[in-house]
N, C-alpha and C. Protein backbone atom coordinates (compact mmCIF):
# COMPACT_ATOMS: atom_id res chain seq x y z
N MET A 1 22.14 -59.96 7.78
CA MET A 1 22.97 -60.14 8.94
C MET A 1 24.18 -60.99 8.54
N GLN A 2 25.34 -60.56 9.00
CA GLN A 2 26.56 -61.28 8.67
C GLN A 2 26.76 -62.48 9.60
N SER A 3 27.61 -63.37 9.17
CA SER A 3 27.91 -64.55 9.98
C SER A 3 29.13 -64.29 10.85
N HIS A 4 29.33 -65.17 11.83
CA HIS A 4 30.49 -65.08 12.72
C HIS A 4 31.78 -65.04 11.90
N SER A 5 31.87 -65.88 10.88
CA SER A 5 33.10 -65.92 10.07
C SER A 5 33.32 -64.63 9.29
N GLU A 6 32.24 -63.96 8.89
CA GLU A 6 32.39 -62.68 8.19
C GLU A 6 32.89 -61.59 9.14
N TYR A 7 32.37 -61.59 10.38
CA TYR A 7 32.89 -60.63 11.37
C TYR A 7 34.35 -60.92 11.67
N ALA A 8 34.69 -62.20 11.81
CA ALA A 8 36.08 -62.59 12.07
C ALA A 8 36.98 -62.14 10.93
N SER A 9 36.51 -62.28 9.72
CA SER A 9 37.28 -61.86 8.55
C SER A 9 37.50 -60.34 8.55
N GLN A 10 36.48 -59.59 8.92
CA GLN A 10 36.63 -58.12 9.01
C GLN A 10 37.69 -57.75 10.04
N LEU A 11 37.67 -58.43 11.18
CA LEU A 11 38.66 -58.16 12.21
C LEU A 11 40.07 -58.49 11.71
N ARG A 12 40.23 -59.64 11.07
CA ARG A 12 41.55 -60.02 10.53
C ARG A 12 42.02 -59.01 9.49
N ASP A 13 41.11 -58.60 8.60
CA ASP A 13 41.46 -57.64 7.56
C ASP A 13 41.90 -56.30 8.15
N ALA A 14 41.42 -55.98 9.35
CA ALA A 14 41.80 -54.74 10.03
C ALA A 14 43.01 -54.97 10.95
N ASP A 15 43.65 -56.13 10.84
CA ASP A 15 44.80 -56.49 11.67
C ASP A 15 44.46 -56.51 13.16
N LEU A 16 43.25 -56.93 13.48
CA LEU A 16 42.83 -57.10 14.87
C LEU A 16 42.68 -58.59 15.15
N ARG A 17 43.11 -58.99 16.32
CA ARG A 17 42.98 -60.38 16.74
C ARG A 17 41.49 -60.70 16.88
N VAL A 18 41.10 -61.88 16.45
CA VAL A 18 39.71 -62.31 16.54
C VAL A 18 39.47 -62.91 17.92
N THR A 19 38.58 -62.26 18.68
CA THR A 19 38.18 -62.77 19.99
C THR A 19 36.65 -62.79 20.05
N ARG A 20 36.11 -63.60 20.93
CA ARG A 20 34.65 -63.65 21.06
C ARG A 20 34.09 -62.28 21.44
N PRO A 21 34.69 -61.55 22.39
CA PRO A 21 34.15 -60.23 22.71
C PRO A 21 34.20 -59.25 21.53
N ARG A 22 35.27 -59.27 20.77
CA ARG A 22 35.35 -58.36 19.61
C ARG A 22 34.28 -58.70 18.58
N VAL A 23 34.10 -59.97 18.32
CA VAL A 23 33.06 -60.38 17.37
C VAL A 23 31.69 -59.96 17.90
N ALA A 24 31.45 -60.14 19.20
CA ALA A 24 30.15 -59.79 19.79
C ALA A 24 29.90 -58.29 19.72
N VAL A 25 30.92 -57.47 19.96
CA VAL A 25 30.74 -56.02 19.88
C VAL A 25 30.48 -55.59 18.44
N LEU A 26 31.25 -56.12 17.51
CA LEU A 26 31.04 -55.79 16.09
C LEU A 26 29.65 -56.21 15.64
N GLU A 27 29.22 -57.37 16.06
CA GLU A 27 27.87 -57.85 15.72
C GLU A 27 26.80 -56.93 16.32
N ALA A 28 27.00 -56.49 17.57
CA ALA A 28 26.02 -55.61 18.22
C ALA A 28 25.92 -54.27 17.51
N VAL A 29 27.05 -53.72 17.09
CA VAL A 29 27.03 -52.44 16.37
C VAL A 29 26.33 -52.61 15.02
N CYS A 30 26.61 -53.68 14.33
CA CYS A 30 25.98 -53.93 13.03
C CYS A 30 24.47 -54.15 13.16
N ALA A 31 24.06 -54.78 14.26
CA ALA A 31 22.64 -55.09 14.45
C ALA A 31 21.82 -53.87 14.88
N SER A 32 22.47 -52.89 15.48
CA SER A 32 21.75 -51.71 16.00
C SER A 32 22.47 -50.43 15.60
N PRO A 33 22.25 -49.97 14.36
CA PRO A 33 22.91 -48.73 13.94
C PRO A 33 22.59 -47.58 14.88
N HIS A 34 23.60 -46.77 15.15
CA HIS A 34 23.49 -45.58 16.02
C HIS A 34 23.21 -45.96 17.47
N ALA A 35 23.66 -47.14 17.88
CA ALA A 35 23.47 -47.60 19.26
C ALA A 35 24.43 -46.88 20.18
N ASP A 36 23.97 -46.60 21.40
CA ASP A 36 24.86 -46.03 22.40
C ASP A 36 25.60 -47.17 23.11
N THR A 37 26.55 -46.80 23.95
CA THR A 37 27.38 -47.79 24.61
C THR A 37 26.57 -48.73 25.49
N ASP A 38 25.59 -48.19 26.23
CA ASP A 38 24.78 -49.05 27.10
C ASP A 38 24.04 -50.12 26.30
N THR A 39 23.51 -49.74 25.15
CA THR A 39 22.81 -50.71 24.29
C THR A 39 23.77 -51.78 23.81
N ILE A 40 24.97 -51.38 23.43
CA ILE A 40 25.96 -52.34 22.94
C ILE A 40 26.41 -53.26 24.07
N VAL A 41 26.65 -52.70 25.26
CA VAL A 41 27.04 -53.53 26.41
C VAL A 41 25.95 -54.56 26.69
N GLY A 42 24.69 -54.14 26.68
CA GLY A 42 23.58 -55.07 26.92
C GLY A 42 23.53 -56.18 25.90
N ALA A 43 23.71 -55.85 24.63
CA ALA A 43 23.68 -56.87 23.58
C ALA A 43 24.84 -57.85 23.72
N VAL A 44 26.01 -57.33 24.03
CA VAL A 44 27.19 -58.20 24.18
C VAL A 44 27.01 -59.12 25.38
N ARG A 45 26.49 -58.59 26.48
CA ARG A 45 26.32 -59.40 27.69
C ARG A 45 25.25 -60.47 27.54
N ARG A 46 24.32 -60.29 26.61
CA ARG A 46 23.35 -61.36 26.36
C ARG A 46 24.06 -62.58 25.76
N ALA A 47 25.08 -62.32 24.96
CA ALA A 47 25.85 -63.42 24.36
C ALA A 47 27.00 -63.87 25.25
N LEU A 48 27.63 -62.91 25.94
CA LEU A 48 28.80 -63.19 26.78
C LEU A 48 28.63 -62.46 28.11
N PRO A 49 27.93 -63.07 29.06
CA PRO A 49 27.57 -62.39 30.31
C PRO A 49 28.74 -61.87 31.14
N ASP A 50 29.91 -62.43 30.99
CA ASP A 50 31.05 -62.04 31.82
C ASP A 50 31.89 -60.90 31.25
N VAL A 51 31.52 -60.36 30.09
CA VAL A 51 32.30 -59.29 29.48
C VAL A 51 32.09 -58.01 30.28
N SER A 52 33.19 -57.36 30.63
CA SER A 52 33.10 -56.13 31.43
C SER A 52 32.74 -54.94 30.54
N ARG A 53 32.19 -53.94 31.18
CA ARG A 53 31.88 -52.68 30.50
C ARG A 53 33.16 -52.07 29.92
N GLN A 54 34.24 -52.12 30.70
CA GLN A 54 35.52 -51.56 30.23
C GLN A 54 36.02 -52.29 28.99
N ALA A 55 35.84 -53.60 28.95
CA ALA A 55 36.25 -54.37 27.77
C ALA A 55 35.49 -53.90 26.53
N VAL A 56 34.19 -53.64 26.68
CA VAL A 56 33.39 -53.16 25.55
C VAL A 56 33.89 -51.78 25.12
N TYR A 57 34.17 -50.89 26.08
CA TYR A 57 34.72 -49.56 25.74
C TYR A 57 36.03 -49.71 24.97
N ASP A 58 36.91 -50.58 25.45
CA ASP A 58 38.20 -50.78 24.79
C ASP A 58 38.03 -51.33 23.38
N ILE A 59 37.11 -52.27 23.23
CA ILE A 59 36.87 -52.85 21.91
C ILE A 59 36.28 -51.82 20.96
N LEU A 60 35.34 -51.02 21.44
CA LEU A 60 34.78 -49.95 20.60
C LEU A 60 35.87 -48.98 20.15
N ARG A 61 36.77 -48.65 21.05
CA ARG A 61 37.88 -47.76 20.71
C ARG A 61 38.75 -48.39 19.63
N ALA A 62 39.06 -49.68 19.76
CA ALA A 62 39.89 -50.37 18.77
C ALA A 62 39.18 -50.48 17.43
N LEU A 63 37.89 -50.80 17.46
CA LEU A 63 37.13 -50.92 16.21
C LEU A 63 37.02 -49.57 15.51
N THR A 64 36.88 -48.50 16.29
CA THR A 64 36.81 -47.16 15.71
C THR A 64 38.16 -46.78 15.11
N ALA A 65 39.23 -47.02 15.84
CA ALA A 65 40.57 -46.69 15.35
C ALA A 65 40.92 -47.45 14.08
N SER A 66 40.41 -48.67 13.96
CA SER A 66 40.71 -49.49 12.78
C SER A 66 39.81 -49.16 11.59
N GLY A 67 38.76 -48.36 11.84
CA GLY A 67 37.85 -47.99 10.76
C GLY A 67 36.71 -48.96 10.54
N LEU A 68 36.55 -49.94 11.41
CA LEU A 68 35.45 -50.89 11.25
C LEU A 68 34.12 -50.31 11.72
N VAL A 69 34.16 -49.39 12.68
CA VAL A 69 32.96 -48.70 13.12
C VAL A 69 33.25 -47.20 13.17
N ARG A 70 32.19 -46.44 13.19
CA ARG A 70 32.30 -44.99 13.25
C ARG A 70 31.60 -44.52 14.52
N ARG A 71 32.23 -43.60 15.22
CA ARG A 71 31.67 -43.01 16.43
C ARG A 71 31.13 -41.63 16.07
N ILE A 72 29.88 -41.40 16.42
CA ILE A 72 29.30 -40.07 16.22
C ILE A 72 28.78 -39.58 17.56
N GLN A 73 28.76 -38.28 17.75
CA GLN A 73 28.25 -37.73 19.00
C GLN A 73 27.60 -36.38 18.73
N PRO A 74 26.32 -36.41 18.35
CA PRO A 74 25.62 -35.15 18.15
C PRO A 74 25.60 -34.33 19.44
N SER A 75 25.67 -33.04 19.31
CA SER A 75 25.69 -32.15 20.46
C SER A 75 24.56 -32.47 21.44
N GLY A 76 24.92 -32.62 22.71
CA GLY A 76 23.93 -32.89 23.75
C GLY A 76 23.53 -34.35 23.87
N HIS A 77 24.15 -35.23 23.10
CA HIS A 77 23.82 -36.66 23.10
C HIS A 77 25.06 -37.47 23.47
N VAL A 78 24.83 -38.68 23.94
CA VAL A 78 25.94 -39.59 24.20
C VAL A 78 26.50 -40.10 22.88
N ALA A 79 27.70 -40.64 22.93
CA ALA A 79 28.32 -41.19 21.73
C ALA A 79 27.49 -42.36 21.21
N ARG A 80 27.43 -42.47 19.92
CA ARG A 80 26.74 -43.58 19.24
C ARG A 80 27.73 -44.21 18.27
N TYR A 81 27.45 -45.45 17.91
CA TYR A 81 28.34 -46.19 17.01
C TYR A 81 27.56 -46.77 15.85
N GLU A 82 28.20 -46.81 14.70
CA GLU A 82 27.57 -47.39 13.52
C GLU A 82 28.61 -48.13 12.70
N SER A 83 28.13 -49.09 11.93
CA SER A 83 29.02 -49.89 11.10
C SER A 83 29.06 -49.37 9.66
N ARG A 84 28.27 -48.38 9.35
CA ARG A 84 28.30 -47.81 8.01
C ARG A 84 29.50 -46.85 7.93
N VAL A 85 30.57 -47.34 7.37
CA VAL A 85 31.80 -46.57 7.27
C VAL A 85 32.27 -46.55 5.82
N GLY A 86 33.17 -45.65 5.53
CA GLY A 86 33.78 -45.64 4.20
C GLY A 86 32.97 -44.96 3.13
N ASP A 87 31.81 -44.45 3.48
CA ASP A 87 31.06 -43.68 2.50
C ASP A 87 30.92 -42.26 3.03
N ASN A 88 30.29 -41.43 2.28
CA ASN A 88 30.15 -40.04 2.67
C ASN A 88 28.69 -39.78 3.02
N HIS A 89 28.31 -40.08 4.27
CA HIS A 89 26.93 -39.84 4.68
C HIS A 89 26.89 -38.99 5.94
N HIS A 90 25.74 -38.43 6.18
CA HIS A 90 25.52 -37.56 7.32
C HIS A 90 24.39 -38.11 8.17
N HIS A 91 23.92 -37.31 9.13
CA HIS A 91 22.88 -37.79 10.05
C HIS A 91 21.81 -36.73 10.27
N VAL A 92 20.61 -37.22 10.58
CA VAL A 92 19.51 -36.36 10.98
C VAL A 92 19.08 -36.84 12.37
N VAL A 93 18.86 -35.87 13.27
CA VAL A 93 18.54 -36.18 14.67
C VAL A 93 17.23 -35.51 15.04
N CYS A 94 16.34 -36.27 15.66
CA CYS A 94 15.07 -35.72 16.14
C CYS A 94 15.30 -35.00 17.46
N ARG A 95 14.89 -33.75 17.52
CA ARG A 95 15.05 -32.96 18.74
C ARG A 95 14.15 -33.45 19.88
N SER A 96 13.10 -34.18 19.55
CA SER A 96 12.16 -34.63 20.57
C SER A 96 12.54 -36.00 21.14
N CYS A 97 12.62 -37.01 20.30
CA CYS A 97 12.86 -38.37 20.80
C CYS A 97 14.32 -38.80 20.70
N GLY A 98 15.14 -38.07 19.93
CA GLY A 98 16.56 -38.37 19.83
C GLY A 98 16.95 -39.41 18.81
N ILE A 99 15.98 -39.94 18.06
CA ILE A 99 16.31 -40.94 17.04
C ILE A 99 17.28 -40.34 16.02
N ILE A 100 18.19 -41.16 15.53
CA ILE A 100 19.18 -40.74 14.55
C ILE A 100 19.02 -41.60 13.31
N ALA A 101 19.07 -40.96 12.15
CA ALA A 101 18.98 -41.69 10.89
C ALA A 101 20.09 -41.21 9.95
N ASP A 102 20.45 -42.07 9.02
CA ASP A 102 21.46 -41.72 8.02
C ASP A 102 20.84 -40.88 6.91
N VAL A 103 21.64 -39.95 6.39
CA VAL A 103 21.25 -39.13 5.25
C VAL A 103 22.41 -39.19 4.26
N ASP A 104 22.14 -39.67 3.06
CA ASP A 104 23.19 -39.71 2.05
C ASP A 104 23.59 -38.31 1.64
N CYS A 105 24.85 -38.15 1.31
CA CYS A 105 25.36 -36.87 0.85
C CYS A 105 24.86 -36.63 -0.58
N ALA A 106 24.46 -35.41 -0.85
CA ALA A 106 23.93 -35.07 -2.17
C ALA A 106 25.01 -35.15 -3.24
N VAL A 107 26.25 -34.86 -2.87
CA VAL A 107 27.33 -34.85 -3.84
C VAL A 107 27.91 -36.24 -4.03
N GLY A 108 28.09 -36.97 -2.94
CA GLY A 108 28.54 -38.34 -3.04
C GLY A 108 30.02 -38.57 -2.90
N GLU A 109 30.82 -37.53 -2.89
CA GLU A 109 32.26 -37.74 -2.72
C GLU A 109 32.75 -36.86 -1.58
N ALA A 110 33.73 -37.35 -0.86
CA ALA A 110 34.23 -36.62 0.29
C ALA A 110 35.32 -35.62 -0.11
N PRO A 111 35.37 -34.46 0.50
CA PRO A 111 34.29 -33.89 1.31
C PRO A 111 33.21 -33.33 0.41
N CYS A 112 31.96 -33.51 0.81
CA CYS A 112 30.86 -33.06 -0.04
C CYS A 112 30.60 -31.56 0.10
N LEU A 113 31.14 -30.97 1.15
CA LEU A 113 31.04 -29.52 1.34
C LEU A 113 32.46 -28.98 1.49
N VAL A 114 32.70 -27.83 0.91
CA VAL A 114 34.02 -27.22 0.99
C VAL A 114 33.86 -25.82 1.57
N PRO A 115 34.58 -25.51 2.66
CA PRO A 115 34.46 -24.19 3.25
C PRO A 115 35.06 -23.11 2.35
N SER A 116 34.65 -21.87 2.57
CA SER A 116 35.17 -20.77 1.77
C SER A 116 36.66 -20.57 2.02
N ASP A 117 37.14 -20.88 3.22
CA ASP A 117 38.56 -20.79 3.54
C ASP A 117 38.94 -22.03 4.34
N HIS A 118 39.74 -22.90 3.76
CA HIS A 118 40.09 -24.16 4.42
C HIS A 118 41.33 -24.05 5.29
N GLN A 119 41.87 -22.83 5.46
CA GLN A 119 42.98 -22.57 6.38
C GLN A 119 44.21 -23.45 6.11
N GLY A 120 44.38 -23.86 4.86
CA GLY A 120 45.52 -24.68 4.50
C GLY A 120 45.37 -26.16 4.79
N PHE A 121 44.21 -26.55 5.34
CA PHE A 121 43.96 -27.97 5.62
C PHE A 121 43.72 -28.72 4.33
N VAL A 122 44.13 -29.97 4.29
CA VAL A 122 43.77 -30.88 3.21
C VAL A 122 42.53 -31.61 3.70
N LEU A 123 41.38 -31.28 3.13
CA LEU A 123 40.11 -31.80 3.62
C LEU A 123 39.81 -33.18 3.05
N ASP A 124 39.28 -34.06 3.91
CA ASP A 124 38.90 -35.39 3.44
C ASP A 124 37.51 -35.79 3.88
N GLU A 125 36.85 -34.95 4.69
CA GLU A 125 35.53 -35.30 5.17
C GLU A 125 34.80 -34.04 5.62
N ALA A 126 33.49 -34.04 5.45
CA ALA A 126 32.63 -33.00 6.00
C ALA A 126 31.54 -33.71 6.78
N GLU A 127 31.33 -33.30 8.02
CA GLU A 127 30.31 -33.94 8.86
C GLU A 127 29.16 -32.96 9.06
N VAL A 128 27.98 -33.41 8.67
CA VAL A 128 26.79 -32.57 8.77
C VAL A 128 25.77 -33.30 9.64
N ILE A 129 25.17 -32.58 10.55
CA ILE A 129 24.08 -33.14 11.34
C ILE A 129 22.88 -32.23 11.16
N TYR A 130 21.81 -32.80 10.64
CA TYR A 130 20.56 -32.08 10.48
C TYR A 130 19.72 -32.30 11.73
N TRP A 131 19.03 -31.27 12.18
CA TRP A 131 18.19 -31.36 13.38
C TRP A 131 16.76 -31.02 13.01
N GLY A 132 15.81 -31.69 13.63
CA GLY A 132 14.39 -31.43 13.40
C GLY A 132 13.56 -32.40 14.19
N LEU A 133 12.35 -32.61 13.73
CA LEU A 133 11.46 -33.59 14.36
C LEU A 133 11.21 -34.73 13.39
N CYS A 134 11.30 -35.95 13.90
CA CYS A 134 10.98 -37.10 13.05
C CYS A 134 9.49 -37.05 12.74
N ALA A 135 9.06 -37.84 11.78
CA ALA A 135 7.65 -37.82 11.35
C ALA A 135 6.71 -38.15 12.51
N GLU A 136 7.09 -39.11 13.34
CA GLU A 136 6.23 -39.51 14.45
C GLU A 136 6.09 -38.38 15.48
N CYS A 137 7.20 -37.75 15.82
CA CYS A 137 7.15 -36.66 16.81
C CYS A 137 6.45 -35.43 16.24
N ALA A 138 6.66 -35.16 14.95
CA ALA A 138 6.02 -34.01 14.33
C ALA A 138 4.50 -34.19 14.30
N ALA A 139 4.04 -35.42 14.20
CA ALA A 139 2.60 -35.69 14.15
C ALA A 139 1.98 -35.76 15.54
N SER A 140 2.82 -35.86 16.57
CA SER A 140 2.32 -35.99 17.94
C SER A 140 1.84 -34.63 18.46
N PRO A 141 0.63 -34.59 19.03
CA PRO A 141 0.12 -33.32 19.55
C PRO A 141 0.92 -32.81 20.75
N THR A 142 1.64 -33.69 21.45
CA THR A 142 2.39 -33.27 22.63
C THR A 142 3.75 -32.65 22.29
N SER A 143 4.27 -32.93 21.09
CA SER A 143 5.59 -32.41 20.75
C SER A 143 5.51 -30.95 20.32
N GLY A 144 4.35 -30.56 19.81
CA GLY A 144 4.21 -29.18 19.36
C GLY A 144 5.11 -28.91 18.17
N SER A 145 5.00 -27.74 17.63
CA SER A 145 5.86 -27.40 16.49
C SER A 145 7.01 -26.58 17.02
N ARG A 146 8.20 -26.92 16.57
CA ARG A 146 9.41 -26.22 16.98
C ARG A 146 9.93 -25.46 15.79
N PRO A 147 10.54 -24.34 16.04
CA PRO A 147 11.11 -23.55 14.94
C PRO A 147 12.25 -24.23 14.26
């Protein structure tokens, strides 16, 4: 776990003003990878009860734009945020419970996948989401086996 001064340093390095709410949001994202907005709002309000939901949304937008956090939104799910940025990783999502986990790219450099026709785009990233059942859900008799 990072210290307050390390979060403040990250904000300064990203040319963002250091405020208690920004530090609290960054800390909440780092503490709970793949957290949704409600989870982040709850964590921030435990430290700073008067922070508005809109302030957290605005801070998440600023942190995402600056590259300090990454926003992911698997199909059919709410947006999630993570602090693992700057590497080339993907995600696996459980169809039953919705848990999300990181999956390292097999190639290791971006983009790790190249389409047969890139339509003239200069590619810098490939986003892959794997879907299935996590080990716990796959072992559960109530989840059944899914194709």
